Amino acid sequence: MATIPPLEELLEKYGDLLEENEVRELSYWALINDDGPCDEEQYLTQAEDRFDDLQEKIAGALGA
């Protein structure tokens, strides 16, 4: 069974694609920005801290 690569690897592999407007338009991926400024580093740190738990939940849902 394939596993989800680490977050750093995903960001390195696909980060340049997510910066391209054409890719976002084709995929309908968009960031809604109607809120005040946020601490992106804090959100990234929280996501990294919770990444292993997320992988476990996905594996459990897939019956792995």
PDB file of N, CA and C in Angstrom:
ATOM      1  N   MET A   1       0.840  -1.184   0.000  1.00  0.00           N
ATOM      2  CA  MET A   1       0.000   0.000   0.000  1.00  0.00           C
ATOM      3  C   MET A   1       0.882   1.244   0.000  1.00  0.00           C
ATOM      4  N   ALA A   2       0.526   2.178  -0.820  1.00  0.00           N
ATOM      5  CA  ALA A   2       1.276   3.434  -0.889  1.00  0.00           C
ATOM      6  C   ALA A   2       0.986   4.276   0.350  1.00  0.00           C
ATOM      7  N   THR A   3       1.997   4.980   0.787  1.00  0.00           N
ATOM      8  CA  THR A   3       1.816   5.884   1.925  1.00  0.00           C
ATOM      9  C   THR A   3       1.947   7.321   1.441  1.00  0.00           C
ATOM     10  N   ILE A   4       1.427   8.220   2.230  1.00  0.00           N
ATOM     11  CA  ILE A   4       1.512   9.645   1.904  1.00  0.00           C
ATOM     12  C   ILE A   4       2.918  10.117   2.252  1.00  0.00           C
ATOM     13  N   PRO A   5       3.600  10.760   1.315  1.00  0.00           N
ATOM     14  CA  PRO A   5       4.952  11.253   1.609  1.00  0.00           C
ATOM     15  C   PRO A   5       4.917  12.334   2.685  1.00  0.00           C
ATOM     16  N   PRO A   6       6.054  12.598   3.313  1.00  0.00           N
ATOM     17  CA  PRO A   6       6.120  13.673   4.314  1.00  0.00           C
ATOM     18  C   PRO A   6       5.730  15.018   3.700  1.00  0.00           C
ATOM     19  N   LEU A   7       5.208  15.894   4.529  1.00  0.00           N
ATOM     20  CA  LEU A   7       4.740  17.204   4.085  1.00  0.00           C
ATOM     21  C   LEU A   7       5.832  17.979   3.354  1.00  0.00           C
ATOM     22  N   GLU A   8       7.049  17.931   3.869  1.00  0.00           N
ATOM     23  CA  GLU A   8       8.143  18.664   3.233  1.00  0.00           C
ATOM     24  C   GLU A   8       8.343  18.197   1.787  1.00  0.00           C
ATOM     25  N   GLU A   9       8.242  16.875   1.585  1.00  0.00           N
ATOM     26  CA  GLU A   9       8.420  16.321   0.240  1.00  0.00           C
ATOM     27  C   GLU A   9       7.295  16.769  -0.695  1.00  0.00           C
ATOM     28  N   LEU A  10       6.070  16.789  -0.181  1.00  0.00           N
ATOM     29  CA  LEU A  10       4.932  17.234  -0.996  1.00  0.00           C
ATOM     30  C   LEU A  10       5.072  18.706  -1.377  1.00  0.00           C
ATOM     31  N   LEU A  11       5.462  19.531  -0.410  1.00  0.00           N
ATOM     32  CA  LEU A  11       5.637  20.960  -0.689  1.00  0.00           C
ATOM     33  C   LEU A  11       6.754  21.187  -1.700  1.00  0.00           C
ATOM     34  N   GLU A  12       7.832  20.407  -1.574  1.00  0.00           N
ATOM     35  CA  GLU A  12       8.941  20.544  -2.512  1.00  0.00           C
ATOM     36  C   GLU A  12       8.531  20.092  -3.912  1.00  0.00           C
ATOM     37  N   LYS A  13       7.764  19.019  -3.968  1.00  0.00           N
ATOM     38  CA  LYS A  13       7.383  18.441  -5.260  1.00  0.00           C
ATOM     39  C   LYS A  13       6.316  19.272  -5.980  1.00  0.00           C
ATOM     40  N   TYR A  14       5.327  19.772  -5.242  1.00  0.00           N
ATOM     41  CA  TYR A  14       4.183  20.425  -5.879  1.00  0.00           C
ATOM     42  C   TYR A  14       4.069  21.916  -5.598  1.00  0.00           C
ATOM     43  N   GLY A  15       4.964  22.479  -4.799  1.00  0.00           N
ATOM     44  CA  GLY A  15       4.879  23.888  -4.433  1.00  0.00           C
ATOM     45  C   GLY A  15       4.896  24.814  -5.633  1.00  0.00           C
ATOM     46  N   ASP A  16       5.753  24.516  -6.604  1.00  0.00           N
ATOM     47  CA  ASP A  16       5.832  25.382  -7.781  1.00  0.00           C
ATOM     48  C   ASP A  16       4.552  25.328  -8.604  1.00  0.00           C
ATOM     49  N   LEU A  17       3.892  24.174  -8.621  1.00  0.00           N
ATOM     50  CA  LEU A  17       2.628  24.062  -9.362  1.00  0.00           C
ATOM     51  C   LEU A  17       1.523  24.891  -8.719  1.00  0.00           C
ATOM     52  N   LEU A  18       1.474  24.878  -7.399  1.00  0.00           N
ATOM     53  CA  LEU A  18       0.422  25.612  -6.701  1.00  0.00           C
ATOM     54  C   LEU A  18       0.590  27.116  -6.821  1.00  0.00           C
ATOM     55  N   GLU A  19       1.776  27.569  -7.213  1.00  0.00           N
ATOM     56  CA  GLU A  19       2.000  28.994  -7.396  1.00  0.00           C
ATOM     57  C   GLU A  19       1.544  29.479  -8.767  1.00  0.00           C
ATOM     58  N   GLU A  20       1.253  28.568  -9.691  1.00  0.00           N
ATOM     59  CA  GLU A  20       0.878  28.936 -11.048  1.00  0.00           C
ATOM     60  C   GLU A  20      -0.638  29.150 -11.153  1.00  0.00           C
ATOM     61  N   ASN A  21      -1.031  30.326 -11.624  1.00  0.00           N
ATOM     62  CA  ASN A  21      -2.452  30.646 -11.749  1.00  0.00           C
ATOM     63  C   ASN A  21      -3.186  29.671 -12.647  1.00  0.00           C
ATOM     64  N   GLU A  22      -2.540  29.233 -13.730  1.00  0.00           N
ATOM     65  CA  GLU A  22      -3.200  28.326 -14.669  1.00  0.00           C
ATOM     66  C   GLU A  22      -3.569  27.000 -14.000  1.00  0.00           C
ATOM     67  N   VAL A  23      -2.678  26.496 -13.163  1.00  0.00           N
ATOM     68  CA  VAL A  23      -2.942  25.233 -12.466  1.00  0.00           C
ATOM     69  C   VAL A  23      -4.099  25.409 -11.498  1.00  0.00           C
ATOM     70  N   ARG A  24      -4.105  26.523 -10.781  1.00  0.00           N
ATOM     71  CA  ARG A  24      -5.203  26.765  -9.833  1.00  0.00           C
ATOM     72  C   ARG A  24      -6.529  26.900 -10.572  1.00  0.00           C
ATOM     73  N   GLU A  25      -6.519  27.552 -11.724  1.00  0.00           N
ATOM     74  CA  GLU A  25      -7.753  27.715 -12.491  1.00  0.00           C
ATOM     75  C   GLU A  25      -8.267  26.371 -13.015  1.00  0.00           C
ATOM     76  N   LEU A  26      -7.363  25.536 -13.519  1.00  0.00           N
ATOM     77  CA  LEU A  26      -7.769  24.219 -14.031  1.00  0.00           C
ATOM     78  C   LEU A  26      -8.296  23.314 -12.927  1.00  0.00           C
ATOM     79  N   SER A  27      -7.695  23.397 -11.758  1.00  0.00           N
ATOM     80  CA  SER A  27      -8.087  22.515 -10.667  1.00  0.00           C
ATOM     81  C   SER A  27      -9.192  23.120  -9.800  1.00  0.00           C
ATOM     82  N   TYR A  28      -9.559  24.361 -10.069  1.00  0.00           N
ATOM     83  CA  TYR A  28     -10.539  25.099  -9.262  1.00  0.00           C
ATOM     84  C   TYR A  28     -10.059  25.290  -7.830  1.00  0.00           C
ATOM     85  N   TRP A  29      -8.744  25.181  -7.629  1.00  0.00           N
ATOM     86  CA  TRP A  29      -8.163  25.372  -6.306  1.00  0.00           C
ATOM     87  C   TRP A  29      -7.957  26.859  -6.084  1.00  0.00           C
ATOM     88  N   ALA A  30      -8.473  27.360  -4.976  1.00  0.00           N
ATOM     89  CA  ALA A  30      -8.316  28.781  -4.687  1.00  0.00           C
ATOM     90  C   ALA A  30      -8.279  28.987  -3.183  1.00  0.00           C
ATOM     91  N   LEU A  31      -7.515  29.941  -2.784  1.00  0.00           N
ATOM     92  CA  LEU A  31      -7.506  30.336  -1.391  1.00  0.00           C
ATOM     93  C   LEU A  31      -8.486  31.483  -1.212  1.00  0.00           C
ATOM     94  N   ILE A  32      -9.390  31.339  -0.283  1.00  0.00           N
ATOM     95  CA  ILE A  32     -10.313  32.421   0.033  1.00  0.00           C
ATOM     96  C   ILE A  32      -9.613  33.319   1.039  1.00  0.00           C
ATOM     97  N   ASN A  33      -9.505  34.572   0.705  1.00  0.00           N
ATOM     98  CA  ASN A  33      -8.782  35.485   1.574  1.00  0.00           C
ATOM     99  C   ASN A  33      -9.654  36.680   1.921  1.00  0.00           C
ATOM    100  N   ASP A  34     -10.670  36.424   2.724  1.00  0.00           N
ATOM    101  CA  ASP A  34     -11.528  37.512   3.170  1.00  0.00           C
ATOM    102  C   ASP A  34     -11.375  37.729   4.671  1.00  0.00           C
ATOM    103  N   ASP A  35     -10.300  37.218   5.204  1.00  0.00           N
ATOM    104  CA  ASP A  35     -10.035  37.285   6.629  1.00  0.00           C
ATOM    105  C   ASP A  35      -8.840  38.197   6.880  1.00  0.00           C
ATOM    106  N   GLY A  36      -8.577  38.444   8.125  1.00  0.00           N
ATOM    107  CA  GLY A  36      -7.404  39.225   8.477  1.00  0.00           C
ATOM    108  C   GLY A  36      -6.135  38.416   8.267  1.00  0.00           C
ATOM    109  N   PRO A  37      -4.989  39.029   8.435  1.00  0.00           N
ATOM    110  CA  PRO A  37      -3.734  38.308   8.261  1.00  0.00           C
ATOM    111  C   PRO A  37      -3.590  37.170   9.271  1.00  0.00           C
ATOM    112  N   CYS A  38      -2.888  36.140   8.858  1.00  0.00           N
ATOM    113  CA  CYS A  38      -2.669  35.018   9.760  1.00  0.00           C
ATOM    114  C   CYS A  38      -1.179  34.705   9.826  1.00  0.00           C
ATOM    115  N   ASP A  39      -0.827  33.918  10.795  1.00  0.00           N
ATOM    116  CA  ASP A  39       0.556  33.498  10.980  1.00  0.00           C
ATOM    117  C   ASP A  39       0.745  32.178  10.240  1.00  0.00           C
ATOM    118  N   GLU A  40       1.202  32.262   8.982  1.00  0.00           N
ATOM    119  CA  GLU A  40       1.336  31.068   8.157  1.00  0.00           C
ATOM    120  C   GLU A  40       2.330  30.082   8.744  1.00  0.00           C
ATOM    121  N   GLU A  41       3.375  30.574   9.363  1.00  0.00           N
ATOM    122  CA  GLU A  41       4.364  29.682   9.973  1.00  0.00           C
ATOM    123  C   GLU A  41       3.726  28.860  11.100  1.00  0.00           C
ATOM    124  N   GLN A  42       2.843  29.491  11.859  1.00  0.00           N
ATOM    125  CA  GLN A  42       2.163  28.781  12.938  1.00  0.00           C
ATOM    126  C   GLN A  42       1.268  27.681  12.373  1.00  0.00           C
ATOM    127  N   TYR A  43       0.521  27.977  11.306  1.00  0.00           N
ATOM    128  CA  TYR A  43      -0.334  26.967  10.694  1.00  0.00           C
ATOM    129  C   TYR A  43       0.492  25.820  10.131  1.00  0.00           C
ATOM    130  N   LEU A  44       1.621  26.119   9.505  1.00  0.00           N
ATOM    131  CA  LEU A  44       2.480  25.079   8.962  1.00  0.00           C
ATOM    132  C   LEU A  44       3.036  24.211  10.083  1.00  0.00           C
ATOM    133  N   THR A  45       3.451  24.840  11.173  1.00  0.00           N
ATOM    134  CA  THR A  45       3.967  24.090  12.320  1.00  0.00           C
ATOM    135  C   THR A  45       2.897  23.176  12.892  1.00  0.00           C
ATOM    136  N   GLN A  46       1.667  23.679  13.015  1.00  0.00           N
ATOM    137  CA  GLN A  46       0.574  22.853  13.527  1.00  0.00           C
ATOM    138  C   GLN A  46       0.289  21.687  12.595  1.00  0.00           C
ATOM    139  N   ALA A  47       0.296  21.938  11.297  1.00  0.00           N
ATOM    140  CA  ALA A  47       0.044  20.866  10.329  1.00  0.00           C
ATOM    141  C   ALA A  47       1.142  19.814  10.397  1.00  0.00           C
ATOM    142  N   GLU A  48       2.385  20.255  10.512  1.00  0.00           N
ATOM    143  CA  GLU A  48       3.494  19.306  10.624  1.00  0.00           C
ATOM    144  C   GLU A  48       3.389  18.489  11.901  1.00  0.00           C
ATOM    145  N   ASP A  49       2.992  19.131  13.001  1.00  0.00           N
ATOM    146  CA  ASP A  49       2.858  18.433  14.278  1.00  0.00           C
ATOM    147  C   ASP A  49       1.764  17.365  14.231  1.00  0.00           C
ATOM    148  N   ARG A  50       0.736  17.591  13.427  1.00  0.00           N
ATOM    149  CA  ARG A  50      -0.417  16.682  13.368  1.00  0.00           C
ATOM    150  C   ARG A  50      -0.350  15.712  12.187  1.00  0.00           C
ATOM    151  N   PHE A  51       0.714  15.794  11.382  1.00  0.00           N
ATOM    152  CA  PHE A  51       0.787  15.020  10.147  1.00  0.00           C
ATOM    153  C   PHE A  51       0.777  13.516  10.405  1.00  0.00           C
ATOM    154  N   ASP A  52       1.513  13.043  11.403  1.00  0.00           N
ATOM    155  CA  ASP A  52       1.549  11.608  11.698  1.00  0.00           C
ATOM    156  C   ASP A  52       0.176  11.095  12.110  1.00  0.00           C
ATOM    157  N   ASP A  53      -0.538  11.873  12.926  1.00  0.00           N
ATOM    158  CA  ASP A  53      -1.891  11.473  13.332  1.00  0.00           C
ATOM    159  C   ASP A  53      -2.813  11.391  12.120  1.00  0.00           C
ATOM    160  N   LEU A  54      -2.679  12.342  11.213  1.00  0.00           N
ATOM    161  CA  LEU A  54      -3.506  12.339  10.011  1.00  0.00           C
ATOM    162  C   LEU A  54      -3.217  11.102   9.166  1.00  0.00           C
ATOM    163  N   GLN A  55      -1.947  10.755   9.012  1.00  0.00           N
ATOM    164  CA  GLN A  55      -1.594   9.567   8.245  1.00  0.00           C
ATOM    165  C   GLN A  55      -2.199   8.313   8.873  1.00  0.00           C
ATOM    166  N   GLU A  56      -2.164   8.227  10.199  1.00  0.00           N
ATOM    167  CA  GLU A  56      -2.747   7.070  10.893  1.00  0.00           C
ATOM    168  C   GLU A  56      -4.248   6.989  10.636  1.00  0.00           C
ATOM    169  N   LYS A  57      -4.937   8.121  10.687  1.00  0.00           N
ATOM    170  CA  LYS A  57      -6.383   8.130  10.456  1.00  0.00           C
ATOM    171  C   LYS A  57      -6.710   7.735   9.020  1.00  0.00           C
ATOM    172  N   ILE A  58      -5.935   8.207   8.063  1.00  0.00           N
ATOM    173  CA  ILE A  58      -6.158   7.850   6.660  1.00  0.00           C
ATOM    174  C   ILE A  58      -5.912   6.352   6.474  1.00  0.00           C
ATOM    175  N   ALA A  59      -4.830   5.852   7.048  1.00  0.00           N
ATOM    176  CA  ALA A  59      -4.533   4.422   6.928  1.00  0.00           C
ATOM    177  C   ALA A  59      -5.653   3.591   7.552  1.00  0.00           C
ATOM    178  N   GLY A  60      -6.155   4.051   8.697  1.00  0.00           N
ATOM    179  CA  GLY A  60      -7.254   3.334   9.347  1.00  0.00           C
ATOM    180  C   GLY A  60      -8.511   3.340   8.511  1.00  0.00           C
ATOM    181  N   ALA A  61      -8.791   4.470   7.884  1.00  0.00           N
ATOM    182  CA  ALA A  61      -9.983   4.572   7.037  1.00  0.00           C
ATOM    183  C   ALA A  61      -9.869   3.683   5.806  1.00  0.00           C
ATOM    184  N   LEU A  62      -8.638   3.485   5.332  1.00  0.00           N
ATOM    185  CA  LEU A  62      -8.423   2.645   4.149  1.00  0.00           C
ATOM    186  C   LEU A  62      -8.265   1.174   4.524  1.00  0.00           C
ATOM    187  N   GLY A  63      -8.294   0.883   5.820  1.00  0.00           N
ATOM    188  CA  GLY A  63      -8.200  -0.498   6.266  1.00  0.00           C
ATOM    189  C   GLY A  63      -6.788  -1.045   6.226  1.00  0.00           C
ATOM    190  N   ALA A  64      -5.818  -0.171   6.309  1.00  0.00           N
ATOM    191  CA  ALA A  64      -4.421  -0.617   6.240  1.00  0.00           C
ATOM    192  C   ALA A  64      -3.913  -1.034   7.599  1.00  0.00           C
TER     193      ALA A  64
END
